[in-house]
C-alpha atoms as a PDB file:
ATOM      1  CA  MET A   1     -26.839   6.555  30.937  1.00  0.00           C
ATOM      2  CA  ALA A   2     -27.982   8.125  27.654  1.00  0.00           C
ATOM      3  CA  VAL A   3     -30.534   6.177  25.630  1.00  0.00           C
ATOM      4  CA  PRO A   4     -31.211   6.942  21.950  1.00  0.00           C
ATOM      5  CA  LYS A   5     -34.723   8.188  21.150  1.00  0.00           C
ATOM      6  CA  ARG A   6     -34.746   6.845  17.586  1.00  0.00           C
ATOM      7  CA  LYS A   7     -33.157   3.991  15.686  1.00  0.00           C
ATOM      8  CA  THR A   8     -30.073   5.088  13.745  1.00  0.00           C
ATOM      9  CA  SER A   9     -30.752   4.648  10.032  1.00  0.00           C
ATOM     10  CA  LYS A  10     -28.585   2.498   7.761  1.00  0.00           C
ATOM     11  CA  ALA A  11     -27.527   5.571   5.791  1.00  0.00           C
ATOM     12  CA  LYS A  12     -26.401   7.397   8.917  1.00  0.00           C
ATOM     13  CA  THR A  13     -24.498   4.356  10.193  1.00  0.00           C
ATOM     14  CA  SER A  14     -22.841   3.709   6.808  1.00  0.00           C
ATOM     15  CA  SER A  15     -21.780   7.318   6.322  1.00  0.00           C
ATOM     16  CA  ARG A  16     -20.225   7.382   9.789  1.00  0.00           C
ATOM     17  CA  LYS A  17     -18.315   4.141   9.164  1.00  0.00           C
ATOM     18  CA  SER A  18     -17.218   5.041   5.630  1.00  0.00           C
ATOM     19  CA  ALA A  19     -14.344   7.259   6.784  1.00  0.00           C
ATOM     20  CA  ASN A  20     -12.625   4.221   8.307  1.00  0.00           C
ATOM     21  CA  MET A  21     -13.059   2.136   5.158  1.00  0.00           C
ATOM     22  CA  VAL A  22     -11.052   4.459   2.916  1.00  0.00           C
ATOM     23  CA  LYS A  23      -7.537   3.039   2.738  1.00  0.00           C
ATOM     24  CA  SER A  24      -4.755   4.232   0.510  1.00  0.00           C
ATOM     25  CA  ALA A  25      -1.990   2.146  -1.026  1.00  0.00           C
ATOM     26  CA  PRO A  26       1.164   1.889   1.104  1.00  0.00           C
ATOM     27  CA  ALA A  27       3.888   4.401   0.377  1.00  0.00           C
ATOM     28  CA  LEU A  28       6.857   2.974  -1.508  1.00  0.00           C
ATOM     29  CA  SER A  29      10.445   4.155  -1.562  1.00  0.00           C
ATOM     30  CA  VAL A  30      13.313   3.129  -3.842  1.00  0.00           C
ATOM     31  CA  CYS A  31      16.132   0.920  -2.598  1.00  0.00           C
ATOM     32  CA  PRO A  32      19.466   2.728  -3.052  1.00  0.00           C
ATOM     33  CA  GLN A  33      21.273  -0.555  -3.756  1.00  0.00           C
ATOM     34  CA  CYS A  34      19.102  -2.315  -6.359  1.00  0.00           C
ATOM     35  CA  HIS A  35      16.669   0.536  -7.219  1.00  0.00           C
ATOM     36  CA  GLU A  36      13.619  -1.669  -6.651  1.00  0.00           C
ATOM     37  CA  PRO A  37      10.507  -0.381  -4.839  1.00  0.00           C
ATOM     38  CA  LYS A  38      10.297  -1.302  -1.157  1.00  0.00           C
ATOM     39  CA  LEU A  39       8.416  -0.262   1.958  1.00  0.00           C
ATOM     40  CA  PRO A  40      10.153   2.533   3.865  1.00  0.00           C
ATOM     41  CA  HIS A  41      12.149   1.664   7.016  1.00  0.00           C
ATOM     42  CA  ARG A  42      12.286  -2.024   6.091  1.00  0.00           C
ATOM     43  CA  VAL A  43      14.863  -4.421   4.668  1.00  0.00           C
ATOM     44  CA  CYS A  44      14.714  -4.598   0.880  1.00  0.00           C
ATOM     45  CA  PRO A  45      13.150  -7.961  -0.083  1.00  0.00           C
ATOM     46  CA  ASN A  46      15.167  -8.038  -3.310  1.00  0.00           C
ATOM     47  CA  CYS A  47      18.752  -7.422  -2.146  1.00  0.00           C
ATOM     48  CA  ASN A  48      18.449  -7.753   1.689  1.00  0.00           C
ATOM     49  CA  TYR A  49      20.062  -4.360   2.360  1.00  0.00           C
ATOM     50  CA  TYR A  50      19.045  -1.771   4.929  1.00  0.00           C
ATOM     51  CA  ASP A  51      20.830   1.538   5.531  1.00  0.00           C
ATOM     52  CA  GLY A  52      23.692   0.494   3.224  1.00  0.00           C
ATOM     53  CA  LYS A  53      24.401  -2.728   5.108  1.00  0.00           C
ATOM     54  CA  SER A  54      23.640  -6.344   4.237  1.00  0.00           C
ATOM     55  CA  ILE A  55      21.244  -7.597   6.910  1.00  0.00           C
ATOM     56  CA  VAL A  56      20.265 -11.114   5.864  1.00  0.00           C
ATOM     57  CA  ALA A  57      22.965 -13.493   4.667  1.00  0.00           C
ATOM     58  CA  ASP A  58      22.605 -14.430   1.004  1.00  0.00           C
ATOM     59  CA  GLU A  59      22.087 -18.109   0.300  1.00  0.00           C
END
């Protein structure tokens, strides 16, 4: 099994981990029914429509 010869510095460790810490905002699409922003491929939280059909019964 390979054994490291030297201790990995904090800078080296942080720079390696930094690529995983960069997160972008989620992509938003526009609901065709109510024209509100929503996550793609999900039921609209405002009007409860998906693919032109009412999914959740309105109360």
